[in-house]
Amino acid sequence: SENKIPNKKANLAAVCAEEMTVNIIKFGGKSSNWIDINLCLEDDLLRLRIRDNGVNFNPLDYENDSDEFDIHGIELVKKISKSMNYIRAIDMNNTIITF
């Protein structure tokens, strides 16, 4: 609120940070031993950057393979964010989510 970020946008960023972090913890592999989360305000955009040293995983390539209607995790993040980008650099997953 100090930076005049609307509550809805702040809540979306928090939900996405939680969902992506849970995914890293569950599926990052034994090599995943740290997660770096950064939230940056640029004009009216929020950028959430999440880095981890887990197994190589591009969330943009993920597709839910269940027949059940169950939106959670990465599918939820894709639906509620403006954009999502990924790059693997220096053996780290780097995901940038914009709101």
PDB file of N, CA and C in Angstrom:
ATOM      1  N   SER A   1       0.820  -1.201   0.000  1.00  0.00           N
ATOM      2  CA  SER A   1       0.000   0.000   0.000  1.00  0.00           C
ATOM      3  C   SER A   1       0.861   1.261   0.000  1.00  0.00           C
ATOM      4  N   GLU A   2       2.062   1.193   0.595  1.00  0.00           N
ATOM      5  CA  GLU A   2       2.957   2.355   0.588  1.00  0.00           C
ATOM      6  C   GLU A   2       3.346   2.759  -0.827  1.00  0.00           C
ATOM      7  N   ASN A   3       3.421   1.792  -1.728  1.00  0.00           N
ATOM      8  CA  ASN A   3       3.803   2.071  -3.113  1.00  0.00           C
ATOM      9  C   ASN A   3       2.596   2.198  -4.037  1.00  0.00           C
ATOM     10  N   LYS A   4       1.421   2.312  -3.450  1.00  0.00           N
ATOM     11  CA  LYS A   4       0.173   2.499  -4.198  1.00  0.00           C
ATOM     12  C   LYS A   4      -0.130   1.357  -5.163  1.00  0.00           C
ATOM     13  N   ILE A   5       0.219   0.144  -4.764  1.00  0.00           N
ATOM     14  CA  ILE A   5      -0.102  -1.046  -5.548  1.00  0.00           C
ATOM     15  C   ILE A   5      -1.506  -1.493  -5.142  1.00  0.00           C
ATOM     16  N   PRO A   6      -2.400  -1.638  -6.110  1.00  0.00           N
ATOM     17  CA  PRO A   6      -3.750  -2.089  -5.763  1.00  0.00           C
ATOM     18  C   PRO A   6      -3.717  -3.453  -5.063  1.00  0.00           C
ATOM     19  N   ASN A   7      -4.605  -3.630  -4.102  1.00  0.00           N
ATOM     20  CA  ASN A   7      -4.661  -4.885  -3.350  1.00  0.00           C
ATOM     21  C   ASN A   7      -4.805  -6.091  -4.254  1.00  0.00           C
ATOM     22  N   LYS A   8      -5.646  -5.984  -5.286  1.00  0.00           N
ATOM     23  CA  LYS A   8      -5.869  -7.118  -6.191  1.00  0.00           C
ATOM     24  C   LYS A   8      -4.564  -7.536  -6.862  1.00  0.00           C
ATOM     25  N   LYS A   9      -3.794  -6.569  -7.343  1.00  0.00           N
ATOM     26  CA  LYS A   9      -2.529  -6.872  -8.023  1.00  0.00           C
ATOM     27  C   LYS A   9      -1.523  -7.473  -7.044  1.00  0.00           C
ATOM     28  N   ALA A  10      -1.460  -6.940  -5.836  1.00  0.00           N
ATOM     29  CA  ALA A  10      -0.551  -7.470  -4.812  1.00  0.00           C
ATOM     30  C   ALA A  10      -0.931  -8.897  -4.441  1.00  0.00           C
ATOM     31  N   ASN A  11      -2.230  -9.161  -4.338  1.00  0.00           N
ATOM     32  CA  ASN A  11      -2.686 -10.518  -4.016  1.00  0.00           C
ATOM     33  C   ASN A  11      -2.361 -11.496  -5.138  1.00  0.00           C
ATOM     34  N   LEU A  12      -2.514 -11.072  -6.388  1.00  0.00           N
ATOM     35  CA  LEU A  12      -2.158 -11.932  -7.522  1.00  0.00           C
ATOM     36  C   LEU A  12      -0.680 -12.305  -7.472  1.00  0.00           C
ATOM     37  N   ALA A  13       0.174 -11.325  -7.195  1.00  0.00           N
ATOM     38  CA  ALA A  13       1.615 -11.587  -7.106  1.00  0.00           C
ATOM     39  C   ALA A  13       1.919 -12.560  -5.972  1.00  0.00           C
ATOM     40  N   ALA A  14       1.260 -12.404  -4.846  1.00  0.00           N
ATOM     41  CA  ALA A  14       1.488 -13.297  -3.706  1.00  0.00           C
ATOM     42  C   ALA A  14       1.050 -14.723  -4.025  1.00  0.00           C
ATOM     43  N   VAL A  15      -0.109 -14.865  -4.658  1.00  0.00           N
ATOM     44  CA  VAL A  15      -0.601 -16.195  -5.035  1.00  0.00           C
ATOM     45  C   VAL A  15       0.376 -16.851  -6.005  1.00  0.00           C
ATOM     46  N   CYS A  16       0.839 -16.103  -6.993  1.00  0.00           N
ATOM     47  CA  CYS A  16       1.776 -16.663  -7.976  1.00  0.00           C
ATOM     48  C   CYS A  16       3.097 -17.057  -7.330  1.00  0.00           C
ATOM     49  N   ALA A  17       3.609 -16.224  -6.443  1.00  0.00           N
ATOM     50  CA  ALA A  17       4.855 -16.553  -5.748  1.00  0.00           C
ATOM     51  C   ALA A  17       4.693 -17.845  -4.962  1.00  0.00           C
ATOM     52  N   GLU A  18       3.570 -17.995  -4.274  1.00  0.00           N
ATOM     53  CA  GLU A  18       3.323 -19.206  -3.494  1.00  0.00           C
ATOM     54  C   GLU A  18       3.195 -20.436  -4.391  1.00  0.00           C
ATOM     55  N   GLU A  19       2.407 -20.330  -5.454  1.00  0.00           N
ATOM     56  CA  GLU A  19       2.201 -21.477  -6.344  1.00  0.00           C
ATOM     57  C   GLU A  19       3.506 -21.921  -7.003  1.00  0.00           C
ATOM     58  N   MET A  20       4.304 -20.986  -7.470  1.00  0.00           N
ATOM     59  CA  MET A  20       5.556 -21.333  -8.135  1.00  0.00           C
ATOM     60  C   MET A  20       6.557 -21.913  -7.133  1.00  0.00           C
ATOM     61  N   THR A  21       6.581 -21.380  -5.930  1.00  0.00           N
ATOM     62  CA  THR A  21       7.486 -21.878  -4.899  1.00  0.00           C
ATOM     63  C   THR A  21       7.125 -23.307  -4.499  1.00  0.00           C
ATOM     64  N   VAL A  22       5.841 -23.573  -4.329  1.00  0.00           N
ATOM     65  CA  VAL A  22       5.396 -24.931  -4.000  1.00  0.00           C
ATOM     66  C   VAL A  22       5.806 -25.891  -5.112  1.00  0.00           C
ATOM     67  N   ASN A  23       5.645 -25.468  -6.353  1.00  0.00           N
ATOM     68  CA  ASN A  23       6.025 -26.310  -7.495  1.00  0.00           C
ATOM     69  C   ASN A  23       7.521 -26.624  -7.467  1.00  0.00           C
ATOM     70  N   ILE A  24       8.336 -25.638  -7.181  1.00  0.00           N
ATOM     71  CA  ILE A  24       9.788 -25.846  -7.113  1.00  0.00           C
ATOM     72  C   ILE A  24      10.134 -26.827  -5.996  1.00  0.00           C
ATOM     73  N   ILE A  25       9.510 -26.657  -4.854  1.00  0.00           N
ATOM     74  CA  ILE A  25       9.781 -27.538  -3.719  1.00  0.00           C
ATOM     75  C   ILE A  25       9.371 -28.973  -4.035  1.00  0.00           C
ATOM     76  N   LYS A  26       8.198 -29.144  -4.667  1.00  0.00           N
ATOM     77  CA  LYS A  26       7.697 -30.484  -4.954  1.00  0.00           C
ATOM     78  C   LYS A  26       8.448 -31.180  -6.084  1.00  0.00           C
ATOM     79  N   PHE A  27       8.841 -30.434  -7.124  1.00  0.00           N
ATOM     80  CA  PHE A  27       9.348 -31.068  -8.328  1.00  0.00           C
ATOM     81  C   PHE A  27      10.757 -30.638  -8.731  1.00  0.00           C
ATOM     82  N   GLY A  28      11.409 -29.801  -7.942  1.00  0.00           N
ATOM     83  CA  GLY A  28      12.716 -29.264  -8.320  1.00  0.00           C
ATOM     84  C   GLY A  28      13.856 -30.254  -8.251  1.00  0.00           C
ATOM     85  N   GLY A  29      13.616 -31.389  -7.662  1.00  0.00           N
ATOM     86  CA  GLY A  29      14.662 -32.387  -7.555  1.00  0.00           C
ATOM     87  C   GLY A  29      15.550 -32.148  -6.357  1.00  0.00           C
ATOM     88  N   LYS A  30      16.409 -33.104  -6.106  1.00  0.00           N
ATOM     89  CA  LYS A  30      17.287 -33.016  -4.937  1.00  0.00           C
ATOM     90  C   LYS A  30      18.331 -31.912  -5.078  1.00  0.00           C
ATOM     91  N   SER A  31      18.597 -31.470  -6.313  1.00  0.00           N
ATOM     92  CA  SER A  31      19.588 -30.410  -6.499  1.00  0.00           C
ATOM     93  C   SER A  31      19.036 -29.042  -6.132  1.00  0.00           C
ATOM     94  N   SER A  32      17.719 -28.934  -5.985  1.00  0.00           N
ATOM     95  CA  SER A  32      17.096 -27.645  -5.665  1.00  0.00           C
ATOM     96  C   SER A  32      17.239 -27.371  -4.176  1.00  0.00           C
ATOM     97  N   ASN A  33      18.174 -26.490  -3.842  1.00  0.00           N
ATOM     98  CA  ASN A  33      18.368 -26.186  -2.432  1.00  0.00           C
ATOM     99  C   ASN A  33      18.242 -24.694  -2.115  1.00  0.00           C
ATOM    100  N   TRP A  34      17.854 -23.890  -3.110  1.00  0.00           N
ATOM    101  CA  TRP A  34      17.540 -22.489  -2.809  1.00  0.00           C
ATOM    102  C   TRP A  34      16.597 -21.906  -3.857  1.00  0.00           C
ATOM    103  N   ILE A  35      15.833 -20.930  -3.406  1.00  0.00           N
ATOM    104  CA  ILE A  35      14.879 -20.206  -4.246  1.00  0.00           C
ATOM    105  C   ILE A  35      15.053 -18.723  -3.939  1.00  0.00           C
ATOM    106  N   ASP A  36      15.163 -17.916  -4.998  1.00  0.00           N
ATOM    107  CA  ASP A  36      15.288 -16.468  -4.863  1.00  0.00           C
ATOM    108  C   ASP A  36      14.035 -15.836  -5.464  1.00  0.00           C
ATOM    109  N   ILE A  37      13.337 -15.020  -4.675  1.00  0.00           N
ATOM    110  CA  ILE A  37      12.123 -14.362  -5.145  1.00  0.00           C
ATOM    111  C   ILE A  37      12.325 -12.856  -5.040  1.00  0.00           C
ATOM    112  N   ASN A  38      12.050 -12.162  -6.164  1.00  0.00           N
ATOM    113  CA  ASN A  38      12.229 -10.713  -6.222  1.00  0.00           C
ATOM    114  C   ASN A  38      10.960 -10.102  -6.804  1.00  0.00           C
ATOM    115  N   LEU A  39      10.469  -9.056  -6.170  1.00  0.00           N
ATOM    116  CA  LEU A  39       9.297  -8.344  -6.669  1.00  0.00           C
ATOM    117  C   LEU A  39       9.710  -6.916  -6.967  1.00  0.00           C
ATOM    118  N   CYS A  40       9.474  -6.487  -8.209  1.00  0.00           N
ATOM    119  CA  CYS A  40       9.905  -5.169  -8.644  1.00  0.00           C
ATOM    120  C   CYS A  40       8.713  -4.383  -9.184  1.00  0.00           C
ATOM    121  N   LEU A  41       8.609  -3.133  -8.799  1.00  0.00           N
ATOM    122  CA  LEU A  41       7.559  -2.250  -9.296  1.00  0.00           C
ATOM    123  C   LEU A  41       8.167  -1.334 -10.350  1.00  0.00           C
ATOM    124  N   GLU A  42       7.639  -1.402 -11.570  1.00  0.00           N
ATOM    125  CA  GLU A  42       8.091  -0.549 -12.673  1.00  0.00           C
ATOM    126  C   GLU A  42       6.874   0.170 -13.227  1.00  0.00           C
ATOM    127  N   ASP A  43       6.787   1.465 -12.969  1.00  0.00           N
ATOM    128  CA  ASP A  43       5.615   2.253 -13.353  1.00  0.00           C
ATOM    129  C   ASP A  43       4.363   1.582 -12.777  1.00  0.00           C
ATOM    130  N   ASP A  44       3.474   1.088 -13.621  1.00  0.00           N
ATOM    131  CA  ASP A  44       2.268   0.448 -13.102  1.00  0.00           C
ATOM    132  C   ASP A  44       2.326  -1.072 -13.209  1.00  0.00           C
ATOM    133  N   LEU A  45       3.510  -1.613 -13.522  1.00  0.00           N
ATOM    134  CA  LEU A  45       3.678  -3.066 -13.638  1.00  0.00           C
ATOM    135  C   LEU A  45       4.403  -3.638 -12.436  1.00  0.00           C
ATOM    136  N   LEU A  46       3.958  -4.807 -12.021  1.00  0.00           N
ATOM    137  CA  LEU A  46       4.687  -5.586 -11.021  1.00  0.00           C
ATOM    138  C   LEU A  46       5.385  -6.716 -11.750  1.00  0.00           C
ATOM    139  N   ARG A  47       6.654  -6.923 -11.474  1.00  0.00           N
ATOM    140  CA  ARG A  47       7.398  -8.038 -12.054  1.00  0.00           C
ATOM    141  C   ARG A  47       7.887  -8.926 -10.908  1.00  0.00           C
ATOM    142  N   LEU A  48       7.500 -10.178 -10.986  1.00  0.00           N
ATOM    143  CA  LEU A  48       7.900 -11.169 -10.001  1.00  0.00           C
ATOM    144  C   LEU A  48       8.929 -12.072 -10.660  1.00  0.00           C
ATOM    145  N   ARG A  49      10.151 -12.093 -10.126  1.00  0.00           N
ATOM    146  CA  ARG A  49      11.191 -12.957 -10.677  1.00  0.00           C
ATOM    147  C   ARG A  49      11.477 -14.050  -9.658  1.00  0.00           C
ATOM    148  N   ILE A  50      11.423 -15.282 -10.141  1.00  0.00           N
ATOM    149  CA  ILE A  50      11.685 -16.426  -9.279  1.00  0.00           C
ATOM    150  C   ILE A  50      12.823 -17.221  -9.899  1.00  0.00           C
ATOM    151  N   ARG A  51      13.885 -17.420  -9.131  1.00  0.00           N
ATOM    152  CA  ARG A  51      15.033 -18.207  -9.588  1.00  0.00           C
ATOM    153  C   ARG A  51      15.238 -19.383  -8.653  1.00  0.00           C
ATOM    154  N   ASP A  52      15.663 -20.505  -9.231  1.00  0.00           N
ATOM    155  CA  ASP A  52      15.995 -21.666  -8.410  1.00  0.00           C
ATOM    156  C   ASP A  52      17.059 -22.485  -9.126  1.00  0.00           C
ATOM    157  N   ASN A  53      17.709 -23.335  -8.370  1.00  0.00           N
ATOM    158  CA  ASN A  53      18.769 -24.167  -8.954  1.00  0.00           C
ATOM    159  C   ASN A  53      18.320 -25.622  -9.092  1.00  0.00           C
ATOM    160  N   GLY A  54      17.028 -25.816  -9.272  1.00  0.00           N
ATOM    161  CA  GLY A  54      16.487 -27.166  -9.451  1.00  0.00           C
ATOM    162  C   GLY A  54      16.690 -27.672 -10.865  1.00  0.00           C
ATOM    163  N   VAL A  55      16.057 -28.790 -11.156  1.00  0.00           N
ATOM    164  CA  VAL A  55      16.178 -29.390 -12.480  1.00  0.00           C
ATOM    165  C   VAL A  55      15.647 -28.414 -13.534  1.00  0.00           C
ATOM    166  N   ASN A  56      16.179 -28.533 -14.738  1.00  0.00           N
ATOM    167  CA  ASN A  56      15.767 -27.680 -15.848  1.00  0.00           C
ATOM    168  C   ASN A  56      14.267 -27.849 -16.090  1.00  0.00           C
ATOM    169  N   PHE A  57      13.499 -26.748 -15.929  1.00  0.00           N
ATOM    170  CA  PHE A  57      12.056 -26.828 -16.116  1.00  0.00           C
ATOM    171  C   PHE A  57      11.521 -25.496 -16.620  1.00  0.00           C
ATOM    172  N   ASN A  58      10.934 -25.524 -17.814  1.00  0.00           N
ATOM    173  CA  ASN A  58      10.325 -24.339 -18.397  1.00  0.00           C
ATOM    174  C   ASN A  58       8.815 -24.396 -18.145  1.00  0.00           C
ATOM    175  N   PRO A  59       8.291 -23.543 -17.273  1.00  0.00           N
ATOM    176  CA  PRO A  59       6.861 -23.595 -16.965  1.00  0.00           C
ATOM    177  C   PRO A  59       5.979 -23.236 -18.157  1.00  0.00           C
ATOM    178  N   LEU A  60       6.529 -22.561 -19.156  1.00  0.00           N
ATOM    179  CA  LEU A  60       5.747 -22.215 -20.342  1.00  0.00           C
ATOM    180  C   LEU A  60       5.412 -23.450 -21.170  1.00  0.00           C
ATOM    181  N   ASP A  61       6.237 -24.483 -21.056  1.00  0.00           N
ATOM    182  CA  ASP A  61       5.997 -25.728 -21.788  1.00  0.00           C
ATOM    183  C   ASP A  61       5.040 -26.662 -21.060  1.00  0.00           C
ATOM    184  N   TYR A  62       4.703 -26.338 -19.819  1.00  0.00           N
ATOM    185  CA  TYR A  62       3.855 -27.207 -19.008  1.00  0.00           C
ATOM    186  C   TYR A  62       2.420 -27.178 -19.513  1.00  0.00           C
ATOM    187  N   GLU A  63       1.829 -28.347 -19.639  1.00  0.00           N
ATOM    188  CA  GLU A  63       0.406 -28.470 -19.947  1.00  0.00           C
ATOM    189  C   GLU A  63      -0.188 -29.481 -18.985  1.00  0.00           C
ATOM    190  N   ASN A  64      -1.321 -29.138 -18.411  1.00  0.00           N
ATOM    191  CA  ASN A  64      -2.007 -30.034 -17.483  1.00  0.00           C
ATOM    192  C   ASN A  64      -2.480 -31.261 -18.250  1.00  0.00           C
ATOM    193  N   ASP A  65      -2.093 -32.434 -17.806  1.00  0.00           N
ATOM    194  CA  ASP A  65      -2.459 -33.663 -18.509  1.00  0.00           C
ATOM    195  C   ASP A  65      -3.608 -34.414 -17.826  1.00  0.00           C
ATOM    196  N   SER A  66      -4.323 -33.734 -16.958  1.00  0.00           N
ATOM    197  CA  SER A  66      -5.448 -34.358 -16.262  1.00  0.00           C
ATOM    198  C   SER A  66      -6.751 -34.024 -16.977  1.00  0.00           C
ATOM    199  N   ASP A  67      -7.680 -34.971 -17.002  1.00  0.00           N
ATOM    200  CA  ASP A  67      -8.990 -34.725 -17.594  1.00  0.00           C
ATOM    201  C   ASP A  67      -9.911 -33.968 -16.640  1.00  0.00           C
ATOM    202  N   GLU A  68      -9.548 -33.932 -15.388  1.00  0.00           N
ATOM    203  CA  GLU A  68     -10.359 -33.251 -14.391  1.00  0.00           C
ATOM    204  C   GLU A  68     -10.149 -31.746 -14.485  1.00  0.00           C
ATOM    205  N   PHE A  69     -11.201 -30.983 -14.187  1.00  0.00           N
ATOM    206  CA  PHE A  69     -11.074 -29.530 -14.138  1.00  0.00           C
ATOM    207  C   PHE A  69     -10.422 -29.174 -12.819  1.00  0.00           C
ATOM    208  N   ASP A  70      -9.182 -28.835 -12.869  1.00  0.00           N
ATOM    209  CA  ASP A  70      -8.426 -28.572 -11.648  1.00  0.00           C
ATOM    210  C   ASP A  70      -7.352 -27.529 -11.961  1.00  0.00           C
ATOM    211  N   ILE A  71      -7.696 -26.264 -11.794  1.00  0.00           N
ATOM    212  CA  ILE A  71      -6.721 -25.210 -12.082  1.00  0.00           C
ATOM    213  C   ILE A  71      -5.958 -24.908 -10.800  1.00  0.00           C
ATOM    214  N   HIS A  72      -4.676 -25.157 -10.831  1.00  0.00           N
ATOM    215  CA  HIS A  72      -3.819 -24.850  -9.712  1.00  0.00           C
ATOM    216  C   HIS A  72      -2.393 -24.719 -10.218  1.00  0.00           C
ATOM    217  N   GLY A  73      -1.493 -24.319  -9.372  1.00  0.00           N
ATOM    218  CA  GLY A  73      -0.087 -24.253  -9.726  1.00  0.00           C
ATOM    219  C   GLY A  73       0.186 -23.406 -10.952  1.00  0.00           C
ATOM    220  N   ILE A  74       0.933 -23.972 -11.875  1.00  0.00           N
ATOM    221  CA  ILE A  74       1.374 -23.241 -13.056  1.00  0.00           C
ATOM    222  C   ILE A  74       0.202 -22.796 -13.921  1.00  0.00           C
ATOM    223  N   GLU A  75      -0.818 -23.616 -14.044  1.00  0.00           N
ATOM    224  CA  GLU A  75      -1.994 -23.234 -14.842  1.00  0.00           C
ATOM    225  C   GLU A  75      -2.645 -21.979 -14.266  1.00  0.00           C
ATOM    226  N   LEU A  76      -2.751 -21.917 -12.963  1.00  0.00           N
ATOM    227  CA  LEU A  76      -3.319 -20.746 -12.302  1.00  0.00           C
ATOM    228  C   LEU A  76      -2.466 -19.515 -12.572  1.00  0.00           C
ATOM    229  N   VAL A  77      -1.162 -19.646 -12.431  1.00  0.00           N
ATOM    230  CA  VAL A  77      -0.244 -18.526 -12.656  1.00  0.00           C
ATOM    231  C   VAL A  77      -0.389 -18.003 -14.088  1.00  0.00           C
ATOM    232  N   LYS A  78      -0.459 -18.898 -15.055  1.00  0.00           N
ATOM    233  CA  LYS A  78      -0.619 -18.486 -16.453  1.00  0.00           C
ATOM    234  C   LYS A  78      -1.914 -17.710 -16.655  1.00  0.00           C
ATOM    235  N   LYS A  79      -2.972 -18.113 -15.977  1.00  0.00           N
ATOM    236  CA  LYS A  79      -4.275 -17.480 -16.166  1.00  0.00           C
ATOM    237  C   LYS A  79      -4.389 -16.111 -15.507  1.00  0.00           C
ATOM    238  N   ILE A  80      -3.744 -15.914 -14.376  1.00  0.00           N
ATOM    239  CA  ILE A  80      -3.944 -14.656 -13.650  1.00  0.00           C
ATOM    240  C   ILE A  80      -2.852 -13.620 -13.888  1.00  0.00           C
ATOM    241  N   SER A  81      -1.800 -13.968 -14.613  1.00  0.00           N
ATOM    242  CA  SER A  81      -0.736 -12.999 -14.888  1.00  0.00           C
ATOM    243  C   SER A  81      -0.921 -12.372 -16.266  1.00  0.00           C
ATOM    244  N   LYS A  82      -0.283 -11.210 -16.466  1.00  0.00           N
ATOM    245  CA  LYS A  82      -0.297 -10.567 -17.785  1.00  0.00           C
ATOM    246  C   LYS A  82       0.612 -11.303 -18.745  1.00  0.00           C
ATOM    247  N   SER A  83       1.797 -11.656 -18.251  1.00  0.00           N
ATOM    248  CA  SER A  83       2.754 -12.390 -19.082  1.00  0.00           C
ATOM    249  C   SER A  83       3.670 -13.212 -18.197  1.00  0.00           C
ATOM    250  N   MET A  84       4.296 -14.196 -18.852  1.00  0.00           N
ATOM    251  CA  MET A  84       5.213 -15.086 -18.141  1.00  0.00           C
ATOM    252  C   MET A  84       6.346 -15.417 -19.107  1.00  0.00           C
ATOM    253  N   ASN A  85       7.582 -15.252 -18.642  1.00  0.00           N
ATOM    254  CA  ASN A  85       8.760 -15.552 -19.460  1.00  0.00           C
ATOM    255  C   ASN A  85       9.687 -16.466 -18.676  1.00  0.00           C
ATOM    256  N   TYR A  86      10.495 -17.210 -19.409  1.00  0.00           N
ATOM    257  CA  TYR A  86      11.411 -18.158 -18.781  1.00  0.00           C
ATOM    258  C   TYR A  86      12.730 -18.171 -19.542  1.00  0.00           C
ATOM    259  N   ILE A  87      13.816 -18.323 -18.796  1.00  0.00           N
ATOM    260  CA  ILE A  87      15.129 -18.565 -19.379  1.00  0.00           C
ATOM    261  C   ILE A  87      15.931 -19.420 -18.399  1.00  0.00           C
ATOM    262  N   ARG A  88      16.722 -20.316 -18.948  1.00  0.00           N
ATOM    263  CA  ARG A  88      17.643 -21.118 -18.129  1.00  0.00           C
ATOM    264  C   ARG A  88      19.013 -20.506 -18.325  1.00  0.00           C
ATOM    265  N   ALA A  89      19.611 -20.024 -17.257  1.00  0.00           N
ATOM    266  CA  ALA A  89      20.923 -19.382 -17.340  1.00  0.00           C
ATOM    267  C   ALA A  89      21.753 -19.774 -16.124  1.00  0.00           C
ATOM    268  N   ILE A  90      23.006 -20.100 -16.373  1.00  0.00           N
ATOM    269  CA  ILE A  90      23.963 -20.466 -15.322  1.00  0.00           C
ATOM    270  C   ILE A  90      23.378 -21.550 -14.416  1.00  0.00           C
ATOM    271  N   ASP A  91      22.796 -22.581 -15.024  1.00  0.00           N
ATOM    272  CA  ASP A  91      22.189 -23.705 -14.305  1.00  0.00           C
ATOM    273  C   ASP A  91      21.078 -23.280 -13.339  1.00  0.00           C
ATOM    274  N   MET A  92      20.371 -22.208 -13.695  1.00  0.00           N
ATOM    275  CA  MET A  92      19.260 -21.758 -12.862  1.00  0.00           C
ATOM    276  C   MET A  92      18.024 -21.545 -13.724  1.00  0.00           C
ATOM    277  N   ASN A  93      16.875 -21.895 -13.175  1.00  0.00           N
ATOM    278  CA  ASN A  93      15.589 -21.552 -13.782  1.00  0.00           C
ATOM    279  C   ASN A  93      15.269 -20.115 -13.398  1.00  0.00           C
ATOM    280  N   ASN A  94      14.932 -19.301 -14.378  1.00  0.00           N
ATOM    281  CA  ASN A  94      14.554 -17.909 -14.146  1.00  0.00           C
ATOM    282  C   ASN A  94      13.192 -17.680 -14.777  1.00  0.00           C
ATOM    283  N   THR A  95      12.192 -17.452 -13.958  1.00  0.00           N
ATOM    284  CA  THR A  95      10.847 -17.206 -14.428  1.00  0.00           C
ATOM    285  C   THR A  95      10.452 -15.785 -14.030  1.00  0.00           C
ATOM    286  N   ILE A  96       9.968 -15.024 -15.019  1.00  0.00           N
ATOM    287  CA  ILE A  96       9.528 -13.650 -14.767  1.00  0.00           C
ATOM    288  C   ILE A  96       8.049 -13.564 -15.091  1.00  0.00           C
ATOM    289  N   ILE A  97       7.284 -13.144 -14.098  1.00  0.00           N
ATOM    290  CA  ILE A  97       5.842 -13.067 -14.219  1.00  0.00           C
ATOM    291  C   ILE A  97       5.449 -11.597 -14.035  1.00  0.00           C
ATOM    292  N   THR A  98       4.639 -11.085 -14.957  1.00  0.00           N
ATOM    293  CA  THR A  98       4.242  -9.683 -14.935  1.00  0.00           C
ATOM    294  C   THR A  98       2.756  -9.555 -14.638  1.00  0.00           C
ATOM    295  N   PHE A  99       2.421  -8.535 -13.840  1.00  0.00           N
ATOM    296  CA  PHE A  99       1.023  -8.238 -13.476  1.00  0.00           C
ATOM    297  C   PHE A  99       0.725  -6.789 -13.795  1.00  0.00           C
TER     298      PHE A  99
END
